[in-house]
């Protein structure tokens, strides 16, 4: 699980935040 989490895209959180700034 830790390895899979580490392989998840590092930019995931930043991408999510960028989406919701568009909503604002």
PDBML (XML) file of the C-alpha atoms, coordinates in Angstrom:
<?xml version="1.0" encoding="UTF-8" ?>
<PDBx:datablock datablockName="MODEL"
   xmlns:PDBx="http://pdbml.pdb.org/schema/pdbx-v50.xsd"
   xmlns:xsi="http://www.w3.org/2001/XMLSchema-instance"
   xsi:schemaLocation="http://pdbml.pdb.org/schema/pdbx-v50.xsd pdbx-v50.xsd">
   <PDBx:atom_siteCategory>
      <PDBx:atom_site id="1">
         <PDBx:B_iso_or_equiv>0.00</PDBx:B_iso_or_equiv>
         <PDBx:Cartn_x>0.000</PDBx:Cartn_x>
         <PDBx:Cartn_y>0.000</PDBx:Cartn_y>
         <PDBx:Cartn_z>0.000</PDBx:Cartn_z>
         <PDBx:auth_asym_id>A</PDBx:auth_asym_id>
         <PDBx:auth_atom_id>CA</PDBx:auth_atom_id>
         <PDBx:auth_comp_id>UNK</PDBx:auth_comp_id>
         <PDBx:auth_seq_id>1</PDBx:auth_seq_id>
         <PDBx:group_PDB>ATOM</PDBx:group_PDB>
         <PDBx:label_alt_id xsi:nil="true" />
         <PDBx:label_asym_id>A</PDBx:label_asym_id>
         <PDBx:label_atom_id>CA</PDBx:label_atom_id>
         <PDBx:label_comp_id>UNK</PDBx:label_comp_id>
         <PDBx:label_entity_id>1</PDBx:label_entity_id>
         <PDBx:label_seq_id>1</PDBx:label_seq_id>
         <PDBx:occupancy>1.00</PDBx:occupancy>
         <PDBx:pdbx_PDB_model_num>1</PDBx:pdbx_PDB_model_num>
         <PDBx:type_symbol>C</PDBx:type_symbol>
      </PDBx:atom_site>
      <PDBx:atom_site id="2">
         <PDBx:B_iso_or_equiv>0.00</PDBx:B_iso_or_equiv>
         <PDBx:Cartn_x>2.838</PDBx:Cartn_x>
         <PDBx:Cartn_y>2.369</PDBx:Cartn_y>
         <PDBx:Cartn_z>0.875</PDBx:Cartn_z>
         <PDBx:auth_asym_id>A</PDBx:auth_asym_id>
         <PDBx:auth_atom_id>CA</PDBx:auth_atom_id>
         <PDBx:auth_comp_id>UNK</PDBx:auth_comp_id>
         <PDBx:auth_seq_id>2</PDBx:auth_seq_id>
         <PDBx:group_PDB>ATOM</PDBx:group_PDB>
         <PDBx:label_alt_id xsi:nil="true" />
         <PDBx:label_asym_id>A</PDBx:label_asym_id>
         <PDBx:label_atom_id>CA</PDBx:label_atom_id>
         <PDBx:label_comp_id>UNK</PDBx:label_comp_id>
         <PDBx:label_entity_id>1</PDBx:label_entity_id>
         <PDBx:label_seq_id>2</PDBx:label_seq_id>
         <PDBx:occupancy>1.00</PDBx:occupancy>
         <PDBx:pdbx_PDB_model_num>1</PDBx:pdbx_PDB_model_num>
         <PDBx:type_symbol>C</PDBx:type_symbol>
      </PDBx:atom_site>
      <PDBx:atom_site id="3">
         <PDBx:B_iso_or_equiv>0.00</PDBx:B_iso_or_equiv>
         <PDBx:Cartn_x>4.577</PDBx:Cartn_x>
         <PDBx:Cartn_y>1.623</PDBx:Cartn_y>
         <PDBx:Cartn_z>-2.429</PDBx:Cartn_z>
         <PDBx:auth_asym_id>A</PDBx:auth_asym_id>
         <PDBx:auth_atom_id>CA</PDBx:auth_atom_id>
         <PDBx:auth_comp_id>UNK</PDBx:auth_comp_id>
         <PDBx:auth_seq_id>3</PDBx:auth_seq_id>
         <PDBx:group_PDB>ATOM</PDBx:group_PDB>
         <PDBx:label_alt_id xsi:nil="true" />
         <PDBx:label_asym_id>A</PDBx:label_asym_id>
         <PDBx:label_atom_id>CA</PDBx:label_atom_id>
         <PDBx:label_comp_id>UNK</PDBx:label_comp_id>
         <PDBx:label_entity_id>1</PDBx:label_entity_id>
         <PDBx:label_seq_id>3</PDBx:label_seq_id>
         <PDBx:occupancy>1.00</PDBx:occupancy>
         <PDBx:pdbx_PDB_model_num>1</PDBx:pdbx_PDB_model_num>
         <PDBx:type_symbol>C</PDBx:type_symbol>
      </PDBx:atom_site>
      <PDBx:atom_site id="4">
         <PDBx:B_iso_or_equiv>0.00</PDBx:B_iso_or_equiv>
         <PDBx:Cartn_x>1.365</PDBx:Cartn_x>
         <PDBx:Cartn_y>2.184</PDBx:Cartn_y>
         <PDBx:Cartn_z>-4.403</PDBx:Cartn_z>
         <PDBx:auth_asym_id>A</PDBx:auth_asym_id>
         <PDBx:auth_atom_id>CA</PDBx:auth_atom_id>
         <PDBx:auth_comp_id>UNK</PDBx:auth_comp_id>
         <PDBx:auth_seq_id>4</PDBx:auth_seq_id>
         <PDBx:group_PDB>ATOM</PDBx:group_PDB>
         <PDBx:label_alt_id xsi:nil="true" />
         <PDBx:label_asym_id>A</PDBx:label_asym_id>
         <PDBx:label_atom_id>CA</PDBx:label_atom_id>
         <PDBx:label_comp_id>UNK</PDBx:label_comp_id>
         <PDBx:label_entity_id>1</PDBx:label_entity_id>
         <PDBx:label_seq_id>4</PDBx:label_seq_id>
         <PDBx:occupancy>1.00</PDBx:occupancy>
         <PDBx:pdbx_PDB_model_num>1</PDBx:pdbx_PDB_model_num>
         <PDBx:type_symbol>C</PDBx:type_symbol>
      </PDBx:atom_site>
      <PDBx:atom_site id="5">
         <PDBx:B_iso_or_equiv>0.00</PDBx:B_iso_or_equiv>
         <PDBx:Cartn_x>0.774</PDBx:Cartn_x>
         <PDBx:Cartn_y>5.464</PDBx:Cartn_y>
         <PDBx:Cartn_z>-2.590</PDBx:Cartn_z>
         <PDBx:auth_asym_id>A</PDBx:auth_asym_id>
         <PDBx:auth_atom_id>CA</PDBx:auth_atom_id>
         <PDBx:auth_comp_id>UNK</PDBx:auth_comp_id>
         <PDBx:auth_seq_id>5</PDBx:auth_seq_id>
         <PDBx:group_PDB>ATOM</PDBx:group_PDB>
         <PDBx:label_alt_id xsi:nil="true" />
         <PDBx:label_asym_id>A</PDBx:label_asym_id>
         <PDBx:label_atom_id>CA</PDBx:label_atom_id>
         <PDBx:label_comp_id>UNK</PDBx:label_comp_id>
         <PDBx:label_entity_id>1</PDBx:label_entity_id>
         <PDBx:label_seq_id>5</PDBx:label_seq_id>
         <PDBx:occupancy>1.00</PDBx:occupancy>
         <PDBx:pdbx_PDB_model_num>1</PDBx:pdbx_PDB_model_num>
         <PDBx:type_symbol>C</PDBx:type_symbol>
      </PDBx:atom_site>
      <PDBx:atom_site id="6">
         <PDBx:B_iso_or_equiv>0.00</PDBx:B_iso_or_equiv>
         <PDBx:Cartn_x>4.336</PDBx:Cartn_x>
         <PDBx:Cartn_y>6.531</PDBx:Cartn_y>
         <PDBx:Cartn_z>-3.336</PDBx:Cartn_z>
         <PDBx:auth_asym_id>A</PDBx:auth_asym_id>
         <PDBx:auth_atom_id>CA</PDBx:auth_atom_id>
         <PDBx:auth_comp_id>UNK</PDBx:auth_comp_id>
         <PDBx:auth_seq_id>6</PDBx:auth_seq_id>
         <PDBx:group_PDB>ATOM</PDBx:group_PDB>
         <PDBx:label_alt_id xsi:nil="true" />
         <PDBx:label_asym_id>A</PDBx:label_asym_id>
         <PDBx:label_atom_id>CA</PDBx:label_atom_id>
         <PDBx:label_comp_id>UNK</PDBx:label_comp_id>
         <PDBx:label_entity_id>1</PDBx:label_entity_id>
         <PDBx:label_seq_id>6</PDBx:label_seq_id>
         <PDBx:occupancy>1.00</PDBx:occupancy>
         <PDBx:pdbx_PDB_model_num>1</PDBx:pdbx_PDB_model_num>
         <PDBx:type_symbol>C</PDBx:type_symbol>
      </PDBx:atom_site>
      <PDBx:atom_site id="7">
         <PDBx:B_iso_or_equiv>0.00</PDBx:B_iso_or_equiv>
         <PDBx:Cartn_x>3.785</PDBx:Cartn_x>
         <PDBx:Cartn_y>5.784</PDBx:Cartn_y>
         <PDBx:Cartn_z>-7.014</PDBx:Cartn_z>
         <PDBx:auth_asym_id>A</PDBx:auth_asym_id>
         <PDBx:auth_atom_id>CA</PDBx:auth_atom_id>
         <PDBx:auth_comp_id>UNK</PDBx:auth_comp_id>
         <PDBx:auth_seq_id>7</PDBx:auth_seq_id>
         <PDBx:group_PDB>ATOM</PDBx:group_PDB>
         <PDBx:label_alt_id xsi:nil="true" />
         <PDBx:label_asym_id>A</PDBx:label_asym_id>
         <PDBx:label_atom_id>CA</PDBx:label_atom_id>
         <PDBx:label_comp_id>UNK</PDBx:label_comp_id>
         <PDBx:label_entity_id>1</PDBx:label_entity_id>
         <PDBx:label_seq_id>7</PDBx:label_seq_id>
         <PDBx:occupancy>1.00</PDBx:occupancy>
         <PDBx:pdbx_PDB_model_num>1</PDBx:pdbx_PDB_model_num>
         <PDBx:type_symbol>C</PDBx:type_symbol>
      </PDBx:atom_site>
      <PDBx:atom_site id="8">
         <PDBx:B_iso_or_equiv>0.00</PDBx:B_iso_or_equiv>
         <PDBx:Cartn_x>0.638</PDBx:Cartn_x>
         <PDBx:Cartn_y>7.901</PDBx:Cartn_y>
         <PDBx:Cartn_z>-7.152</PDBx:Cartn_z>
         <PDBx:auth_asym_id>A</PDBx:auth_asym_id>
         <PDBx:auth_atom_id>CA</PDBx:auth_atom_id>
         <PDBx:auth_comp_id>UNK</PDBx:auth_comp_id>
         <PDBx:auth_seq_id>8</PDBx:auth_seq_id>
         <PDBx:group_PDB>ATOM</PDBx:group_PDB>
         <PDBx:label_alt_id xsi:nil="true" />
         <PDBx:label_asym_id>A</PDBx:label_asym_id>
         <PDBx:label_atom_id>CA</PDBx:label_atom_id>
         <PDBx:label_comp_id>UNK</PDBx:label_comp_id>
         <PDBx:label_entity_id>1</PDBx:label_entity_id>
         <PDBx:label_seq_id>8</PDBx:label_seq_id>
         <PDBx:occupancy>1.00</PDBx:occupancy>
         <PDBx:pdbx_PDB_model_num>1</PDBx:pdbx_PDB_model_num>
         <PDBx:type_symbol>C</PDBx:type_symbol>
      </PDBx:atom_site>
      <PDBx:atom_site id="9">
         <PDBx:B_iso_or_equiv>0.00</PDBx:B_iso_or_equiv>
         <PDBx:Cartn_x>1.299</PDBx:Cartn_x>
         <PDBx:Cartn_y>11.117</PDBx:Cartn_y>
         <PDBx:Cartn_z>-9.067</PDBx:Cartn_z>
         <PDBx:auth_asym_id>A</PDBx:auth_asym_id>
         <PDBx:auth_atom_id>CA</PDBx:auth_atom_id>
         <PDBx:auth_comp_id>UNK</PDBx:auth_comp_id>
         <PDBx:auth_seq_id>9</PDBx:auth_seq_id>
         <PDBx:group_PDB>ATOM</PDBx:group_PDB>
         <PDBx:label_alt_id xsi:nil="true" />
         <PDBx:label_asym_id>A</PDBx:label_asym_id>
         <PDBx:label_atom_id>CA</PDBx:label_atom_id>
         <PDBx:label_comp_id>UNK</PDBx:label_comp_id>
         <PDBx:label_entity_id>1</PDBx:label_entity_id>
         <PDBx:label_seq_id>9</PDBx:label_seq_id>
         <PDBx:occupancy>1.00</PDBx:occupancy>
         <PDBx:pdbx_PDB_model_num>1</PDBx:pdbx_PDB_model_num>
         <PDBx:type_symbol>C</PDBx:type_symbol>
      </PDBx:atom_site>
      <PDBx:atom_site id="10">
         <PDBx:B_iso_or_equiv>0.00</PDBx:B_iso_or_equiv>
         <PDBx:Cartn_x>3.087</PDBx:Cartn_x>
         <PDBx:Cartn_y>13.636</PDBx:Cartn_y>
         <PDBx:Cartn_z>-6.870</PDBx:Cartn_z>
         <PDBx:auth_asym_id>A</PDBx:auth_asym_id>
         <PDBx:auth_atom_id>CA</PDBx:auth_atom_id>
         <PDBx:auth_comp_id>UNK</PDBx:auth_comp_id>
         <PDBx:auth_seq_id>10</PDBx:auth_seq_id>
         <PDBx:group_PDB>ATOM</PDBx:group_PDB>
         <PDBx:label_alt_id xsi:nil="true" />
         <PDBx:label_asym_id>A</PDBx:label_asym_id>
         <PDBx:label_atom_id>CA</PDBx:label_atom_id>
         <PDBx:label_comp_id>UNK</PDBx:label_comp_id>
         <PDBx:label_entity_id>1</PDBx:label_entity_id>
         <PDBx:label_seq_id>10</PDBx:label_seq_id>
         <PDBx:occupancy>1.00</PDBx:occupancy>
         <PDBx:pdbx_PDB_model_num>1</PDBx:pdbx_PDB_model_num>
         <PDBx:type_symbol>C</PDBx:type_symbol>
      </PDBx:atom_site>
      <PDBx:atom_site id="11">
         <PDBx:B_iso_or_equiv>0.00</PDBx:B_iso_or_equiv>
         <PDBx:Cartn_x>1.169</PDBx:Cartn_x>
         <PDBx:Cartn_y>16.439</PDBx:Cartn_y>
         <PDBx:Cartn_z>-8.510</PDBx:Cartn_z>
         <PDBx:auth_asym_id>A</PDBx:auth_asym_id>
         <PDBx:auth_atom_id>CA</PDBx:auth_atom_id>
         <PDBx:auth_comp_id>UNK</PDBx:auth_comp_id>
         <PDBx:auth_seq_id>11</PDBx:auth_seq_id>
         <PDBx:group_PDB>ATOM</PDBx:group_PDB>
         <PDBx:label_alt_id xsi:nil="true" />
         <PDBx:label_asym_id>A</PDBx:label_asym_id>
         <PDBx:label_atom_id>CA</PDBx:label_atom_id>
         <PDBx:label_comp_id>UNK</PDBx:label_comp_id>
         <PDBx:label_entity_id>1</PDBx:label_entity_id>
         <PDBx:label_seq_id>11</PDBx:label_seq_id>
         <PDBx:occupancy>1.00</PDBx:occupancy>
         <PDBx:pdbx_PDB_model_num>1</PDBx:pdbx_PDB_model_num>
         <PDBx:type_symbol>C</PDBx:type_symbol>
      </PDBx:atom_site>
      <PDBx:atom_site id="12">
         <PDBx:B_iso_or_equiv>0.00</PDBx:B_iso_or_equiv>
         <PDBx:Cartn_x>-2.248</PDBx:Cartn_x>
         <PDBx:Cartn_y>14.989</PDBx:Cartn_y>
         <PDBx:Cartn_z>-7.572</PDBx:Cartn_z>
         <PDBx:auth_asym_id>A</PDBx:auth_asym_id>
         <PDBx:auth_atom_id>CA</PDBx:auth_atom_id>
         <PDBx:auth_comp_id>UNK</PDBx:auth_comp_id>
         <PDBx:auth_seq_id>12</PDBx:auth_seq_id>
         <PDBx:group_PDB>ATOM</PDBx:group_PDB>
         <PDBx:label_alt_id xsi:nil="true" />
         <PDBx:label_asym_id>A</PDBx:label_asym_id>
         <PDBx:label_atom_id>CA</PDBx:label_atom_id>
         <PDBx:label_comp_id>UNK</PDBx:label_comp_id>
         <PDBx:label_entity_id>1</PDBx:label_entity_id>
         <PDBx:label_seq_id>12</PDBx:label_seq_id>
         <PDBx:occupancy>1.00</PDBx:occupancy>
         <PDBx:pdbx_PDB_model_num>1</PDBx:pdbx_PDB_model_num>
         <PDBx:type_symbol>C</PDBx:type_symbol>
      </PDBx:atom_site>
      <PDBx:atom_site id="13">
         <PDBx:B_iso_or_equiv>0.00</PDBx:B_iso_or_equiv>
         <PDBx:Cartn_x>-2.987</PDBx:Cartn_x>
         <PDBx:Cartn_y>17.387</PDBx:Cartn_y>
         <PDBx:Cartn_z>-4.704</PDBx:Cartn_z>
         <PDBx:auth_asym_id>A</PDBx:auth_asym_id>
         <PDBx:auth_atom_id>CA</PDBx:auth_atom_id>
         <PDBx:auth_comp_id>UNK</PDBx:auth_comp_id>
         <PDBx:auth_seq_id>13</PDBx:auth_seq_id>
         <PDBx:group_PDB>ATOM</PDBx:group_PDB>
         <PDBx:label_alt_id xsi:nil="true" />
         <PDBx:label_asym_id>A</PDBx:label_asym_id>
         <PDBx:label_atom_id>CA</PDBx:label_atom_id>
         <PDBx:label_comp_id>UNK</PDBx:label_comp_id>
         <PDBx:label_entity_id>1</PDBx:label_entity_id>
         <PDBx:label_seq_id>13</PDBx:label_seq_id>
         <PDBx:occupancy>1.00</PDBx:occupancy>
         <PDBx:pdbx_PDB_model_num>1</PDBx:pdbx_PDB_model_num>
         <PDBx:type_symbol>C</PDBx:type_symbol>
      </PDBx:atom_site>
      <PDBx:atom_site id="14">
         <PDBx:B_iso_or_equiv>0.00</PDBx:B_iso_or_equiv>
         <PDBx:Cartn_x>-1.770</PDBx:Cartn_x>
         <PDBx:Cartn_y>20.417</PDBx:Cartn_y>
         <PDBx:Cartn_z>-6.661</PDBx:Cartn_z>
         <PDBx:auth_asym_id>A</PDBx:auth_asym_id>
         <PDBx:auth_atom_id>CA</PDBx:auth_atom_id>
         <PDBx:auth_comp_id>UNK</PDBx:auth_comp_id>
         <PDBx:auth_seq_id>14</PDBx:auth_seq_id>
         <PDBx:group_PDB>ATOM</PDBx:group_PDB>
         <PDBx:label_alt_id xsi:nil="true" />
         <PDBx:label_asym_id>A</PDBx:label_asym_id>
         <PDBx:label_atom_id>CA</PDBx:label_atom_id>
         <PDBx:label_comp_id>UNK</PDBx:label_comp_id>
         <PDBx:label_entity_id>1</PDBx:label_entity_id>
         <PDBx:label_seq_id>14</PDBx:label_seq_id>
         <PDBx:occupancy>1.00</PDBx:occupancy>
         <PDBx:pdbx_PDB_model_num>1</PDBx:pdbx_PDB_model_num>
         <PDBx:type_symbol>C</PDBx:type_symbol>
      </PDBx:atom_site>
      <PDBx:atom_site id="15">
         <PDBx:B_iso_or_equiv>0.00</PDBx:B_iso_or_equiv>
         <PDBx:Cartn_x>-3.905</PDBx:Cartn_x>
         <PDBx:Cartn_y>19.417</PDBx:Cartn_y>
         <PDBx:Cartn_z>-9.657</PDBx:Cartn_z>
         <PDBx:auth_asym_id>A</PDBx:auth_asym_id>
         <PDBx:auth_atom_id>CA</PDBx:auth_atom_id>
         <PDBx:auth_comp_id>UNK</PDBx:auth_comp_id>
         <PDBx:auth_seq_id>15</PDBx:auth_seq_id>
         <PDBx:group_PDB>ATOM</PDBx:group_PDB>
         <PDBx:label_alt_id xsi:nil="true" />
         <PDBx:label_asym_id>A</PDBx:label_asym_id>
         <PDBx:label_atom_id>CA</PDBx:label_atom_id>
         <PDBx:label_comp_id>UNK</PDBx:label_comp_id>
         <PDBx:label_entity_id>1</PDBx:label_entity_id>
         <PDBx:label_seq_id>15</PDBx:label_seq_id>
         <PDBx:occupancy>1.00</PDBx:occupancy>
         <PDBx:pdbx_PDB_model_num>1</PDBx:pdbx_PDB_model_num>
         <PDBx:type_symbol>C</PDBx:type_symbol>
      </PDBx:atom_site>
      <PDBx:atom_site id="16">
         <PDBx:B_iso_or_equiv>0.00</PDBx:B_iso_or_equiv>
         <PDBx:Cartn_x>-6.982</PDBx:Cartn_x>
         <PDBx:Cartn_y>19.108</PDBx:Cartn_y>
         <PDBx:Cartn_z>-7.442</PDBx:Cartn_z>
         <PDBx:auth_asym_id>A</PDBx:auth_asym_id>
         <PDBx:auth_atom_id>CA</PDBx:auth_atom_id>
         <PDBx:auth_comp_id>UNK</PDBx:auth_comp_id>
         <PDBx:auth_seq_id>16</PDBx:auth_seq_id>
         <PDBx:group_PDB>ATOM</PDBx:group_PDB>
         <PDBx:label_alt_id xsi:nil="true" />
         <PDBx:label_asym_id>A</PDBx:label_asym_id>
         <PDBx:label_atom_id>CA</PDBx:label_atom_id>
         <PDBx:label_comp_id>UNK</PDBx:label_comp_id>
         <PDBx:label_entity_id>1</PDBx:label_entity_id>
         <PDBx:label_seq_id>16</PDBx:label_seq_id>
         <PDBx:occupancy>1.00</PDBx:occupancy>
         <PDBx:pdbx_PDB_model_num>1</PDBx:pdbx_PDB_model_num>
         <PDBx:type_symbol>C</PDBx:type_symbol>
      </PDBx:atom_site>
      <PDBx:atom_site id="17">
         <PDBx:B_iso_or_equiv>0.00</PDBx:B_iso_or_equiv>
         <PDBx:Cartn_x>-6.347</PDBx:Cartn_x>
         <PDBx:Cartn_y>22.537</PDBx:Cartn_y>
         <PDBx:Cartn_z>-5.899</PDBx:Cartn_z>
         <PDBx:auth_asym_id>A</PDBx:auth_asym_id>
         <PDBx:auth_atom_id>CA</PDBx:auth_atom_id>
         <PDBx:auth_comp_id>UNK</PDBx:auth_comp_id>
         <PDBx:auth_seq_id>17</PDBx:auth_seq_id>
         <PDBx:group_PDB>ATOM</PDBx:group_PDB>
         <PDBx:label_alt_id xsi:nil="true" />
         <PDBx:label_asym_id>A</PDBx:label_asym_id>
         <PDBx:label_atom_id>CA</PDBx:label_atom_id>
         <PDBx:label_comp_id>UNK</PDBx:label_comp_id>
         <PDBx:label_entity_id>1</PDBx:label_entity_id>
         <PDBx:label_seq_id>17</PDBx:label_seq_id>
         <PDBx:occupancy>1.00</PDBx:occupancy>
         <PDBx:pdbx_PDB_model_num>1</PDBx:pdbx_PDB_model_num>
         <PDBx:type_symbol>C</PDBx:type_symbol>
      </PDBx:atom_site>
      <PDBx:atom_site id="18">
         <PDBx:B_iso_or_equiv>0.00</PDBx:B_iso_or_equiv>
         <PDBx:Cartn_x>-5.931</PDBx:Cartn_x>
         <PDBx:Cartn_y>24.069</PDBx:Cartn_y>
         <PDBx:Cartn_z>-9.350</PDBx:Cartn_z>
         <PDBx:auth_asym_id>A</PDBx:auth_asym_id>
         <PDBx:auth_atom_id>CA</PDBx:auth_atom_id>
         <PDBx:auth_comp_id>UNK</PDBx:auth_comp_id>
         <PDBx:auth_seq_id>18</PDBx:auth_seq_id>
         <PDBx:group_PDB>ATOM</PDBx:group_PDB>
         <PDBx:label_alt_id xsi:nil="true" />
         <PDBx:label_asym_id>A</PDBx:label_asym_id>
         <PDBx:label_atom_id>CA</PDBx:label_atom_id>
         <PDBx:label_comp_id>UNK</PDBx:label_comp_id>
         <PDBx:label_entity_id>1</PDBx:label_entity_id>
         <PDBx:label_seq_id>18</PDBx:label_seq_id>
         <PDBx:occupancy>1.00</PDBx:occupancy>
         <PDBx:pdbx_PDB_model_num>1</PDBx:pdbx_PDB_model_num>
         <PDBx:type_symbol>C</PDBx:type_symbol>
      </PDBx:atom_site>
      <PDBx:atom_site id="19">
         <PDBx:B_iso_or_equiv>0.00</PDBx:B_iso_or_equiv>
         <PDBx:Cartn_x>-9.285</PDBx:Cartn_x>
         <PDBx:Cartn_y>22.655</PDBx:Cartn_y>
         <PDBx:Cartn_z>-10.444</PDBx:Cartn_z>
         <PDBx:auth_asym_id>A</PDBx:auth_asym_id>
         <PDBx:auth_atom_id>CA</PDBx:auth_atom_id>
         <PDBx:auth_comp_id>UNK</PDBx:auth_comp_id>
         <PDBx:auth_seq_id>19</PDBx:auth_seq_id>
         <PDBx:group_PDB>ATOM</PDBx:group_PDB>
         <PDBx:label_alt_id xsi:nil="true" />
         <PDBx:label_asym_id>A</PDBx:label_asym_id>
         <PDBx:label_atom_id>CA</PDBx:label_atom_id>
         <PDBx:label_comp_id>UNK</PDBx:label_comp_id>
         <PDBx:label_entity_id>1</PDBx:label_entity_id>
         <PDBx:label_seq_id>19</PDBx:label_seq_id>
         <PDBx:occupancy>1.00</PDBx:occupancy>
         <PDBx:pdbx_PDB_model_num>1</PDBx:pdbx_PDB_model_num>
         <PDBx:type_symbol>C</PDBx:type_symbol>
      </PDBx:atom_site>
      <PDBx:atom_site id="20">
         <PDBx:B_iso_or_equiv>0.00</PDBx:B_iso_or_equiv>
         <PDBx:Cartn_x>-11.133</PDBx:Cartn_x>
         <PDBx:Cartn_y>24.143</PDBx:Cartn_y>
         <PDBx:Cartn_z>-7.505</PDBx:Cartn_z>
         <PDBx:auth_asym_id>A</PDBx:auth_asym_id>
         <PDBx:auth_atom_id>CA</PDBx:auth_atom_id>
         <PDBx:auth_comp_id>UNK</PDBx:auth_comp_id>
         <PDBx:auth_seq_id>20</PDBx:auth_seq_id>
         <PDBx:group_PDB>ATOM</PDBx:group_PDB>
         <PDBx:label_alt_id xsi:nil="true" />
         <PDBx:label_asym_id>A</PDBx:label_asym_id>
         <PDBx:label_atom_id>CA</PDBx:label_atom_id>
         <PDBx:label_comp_id>UNK</PDBx:label_comp_id>
         <PDBx:label_entity_id>1</PDBx:label_entity_id>
         <PDBx:label_seq_id>20</PDBx:label_seq_id>
         <PDBx:occupancy>1.00</PDBx:occupancy>
         <PDBx:pdbx_PDB_model_num>1</PDBx:pdbx_PDB_model_num>
         <PDBx:type_symbol>C</PDBx:type_symbol>
      </PDBx:atom_site>
      <PDBx:atom_site id="21">
         <PDBx:B_iso_or_equiv>0.00</PDBx:B_iso_or_equiv>
         <PDBx:Cartn_x>-9.436</PDBx:Cartn_x>
         <PDBx:Cartn_y>27.529</PDBx:Cartn_y>
         <PDBx:Cartn_z>-7.925</PDBx:Cartn_z>
         <PDBx:auth_asym_id>A</PDBx:auth_asym_id>
         <PDBx:auth_atom_id>CA</PDBx:auth_atom_id>
         <PDBx:auth_comp_id>UNK</PDBx:auth_comp_id>
         <PDBx:auth_seq_id>21</PDBx:auth_seq_id>
         <PDBx:group_PDB>ATOM</PDBx:group_PDB>
         <PDBx:label_alt_id xsi:nil="true" />
         <PDBx:label_asym_id>A</PDBx:label_asym_id>
         <PDBx:label_atom_id>CA</PDBx:label_atom_id>
         <PDBx:label_comp_id>UNK</PDBx:label_comp_id>
         <PDBx:label_entity_id>1</PDBx:label_entity_id>
         <PDBx:label_seq_id>21</PDBx:label_seq_id>
         <PDBx:occupancy>1.00</PDBx:occupancy>
         <PDBx:pdbx_PDB_model_num>1</PDBx:pdbx_PDB_model_num>
         <PDBx:type_symbol>C</PDBx:type_symbol>
      </PDBx:atom_site>
      <PDBx:atom_site id="22">
         <PDBx:B_iso_or_equiv>0.00</PDBx:B_iso_or_equiv>
         <PDBx:Cartn_x>-11.042</PDBx:Cartn_x>
         <PDBx:Cartn_y>27.535</PDBx:Cartn_y>
         <PDBx:Cartn_z>-11.384</PDBx:Cartn_z>
         <PDBx:auth_asym_id>A</PDBx:auth_asym_id>
         <PDBx:auth_atom_id>CA</PDBx:auth_atom_id>
         <PDBx:auth_comp_id>UNK</PDBx:auth_comp_id>
         <PDBx:auth_seq_id>22</PDBx:auth_seq_id>
         <PDBx:group_PDB>ATOM</PDBx:group_PDB>
         <PDBx:label_alt_id xsi:nil="true" />
         <PDBx:label_asym_id>A</PDBx:label_asym_id>
         <PDBx:label_atom_id>CA</PDBx:label_atom_id>
         <PDBx:label_comp_id>UNK</PDBx:label_comp_id>
         <PDBx:label_entity_id>1</PDBx:label_entity_id>
         <PDBx:label_seq_id>22</PDBx:label_seq_id>
         <PDBx:occupancy>1.00</PDBx:occupancy>
         <PDBx:pdbx_PDB_model_num>1</PDBx:pdbx_PDB_model_num>
         <PDBx:type_symbol>C</PDBx:type_symbol>
      </PDBx:atom_site>
      <PDBx:atom_site id="23">
         <PDBx:B_iso_or_equiv>0.00</PDBx:B_iso_or_equiv>
         <PDBx:Cartn_x>-14.398</PDBx:Cartn_x>
         <PDBx:Cartn_y>26.950</PDBx:Cartn_y>
         <PDBx:Cartn_z>-9.698</PDBx:Cartn_z>
         <PDBx:auth_asym_id>A</PDBx:auth_asym_id>
         <PDBx:auth_atom_id>CA</PDBx:auth_atom_id>
         <PDBx:auth_comp_id>UNK</PDBx:auth_comp_id>
         <PDBx:auth_seq_id>23</PDBx:auth_seq_id>
         <PDBx:group_PDB>ATOM</PDBx:group_PDB>
         <PDBx:label_alt_id xsi:nil="true" />
         <PDBx:label_asym_id>A</PDBx:label_asym_id>
         <PDBx:label_atom_id>CA</PDBx:label_atom_id>
         <PDBx:label_comp_id>UNK</PDBx:label_comp_id>
         <PDBx:label_entity_id>1</PDBx:label_entity_id>
         <PDBx:label_seq_id>23</PDBx:label_seq_id>
         <PDBx:occupancy>1.00</PDBx:occupancy>
         <PDBx:pdbx_PDB_model_num>1</PDBx:pdbx_PDB_model_num>
         <PDBx:type_symbol>C</PDBx:type_symbol>
      </PDBx:atom_site>
      <PDBx:atom_site id="24">
         <PDBx:B_iso_or_equiv>0.00</PDBx:B_iso_or_equiv>
         <PDBx:Cartn_x>-13.854</PDBx:Cartn_x>
         <PDBx:Cartn_y>29.991</PDBx:Cartn_y>
         <PDBx:Cartn_z>-7.486</PDBx:Cartn_z>
         <PDBx:auth_asym_id>A</PDBx:auth_asym_id>
         <PDBx:auth_atom_id>CA</PDBx:auth_atom_id>
         <PDBx:auth_comp_id>UNK</PDBx:auth_comp_id>
         <PDBx:auth_seq_id>24</PDBx:auth_seq_id>
         <PDBx:group_PDB>ATOM</PDBx:group_PDB>
         <PDBx:label_alt_id xsi:nil="true" />
         <PDBx:label_asym_id>A</PDBx:label_asym_id>
         <PDBx:label_atom_id>CA</PDBx:label_atom_id>
         <PDBx:label_comp_id>UNK</PDBx:label_comp_id>
         <PDBx:label_entity_id>1</PDBx:label_entity_id>
         <PDBx:label_seq_id>24</PDBx:label_seq_id>
         <PDBx:occupancy>1.00</PDBx:occupancy>
         <PDBx:pdbx_PDB_model_num>1</PDBx:pdbx_PDB_model_num>
         <PDBx:type_symbol>C</PDBx:type_symbol>
      </PDBx:atom_site>
   </PDBx:atom_siteCategory>
</PDBx:datablock>
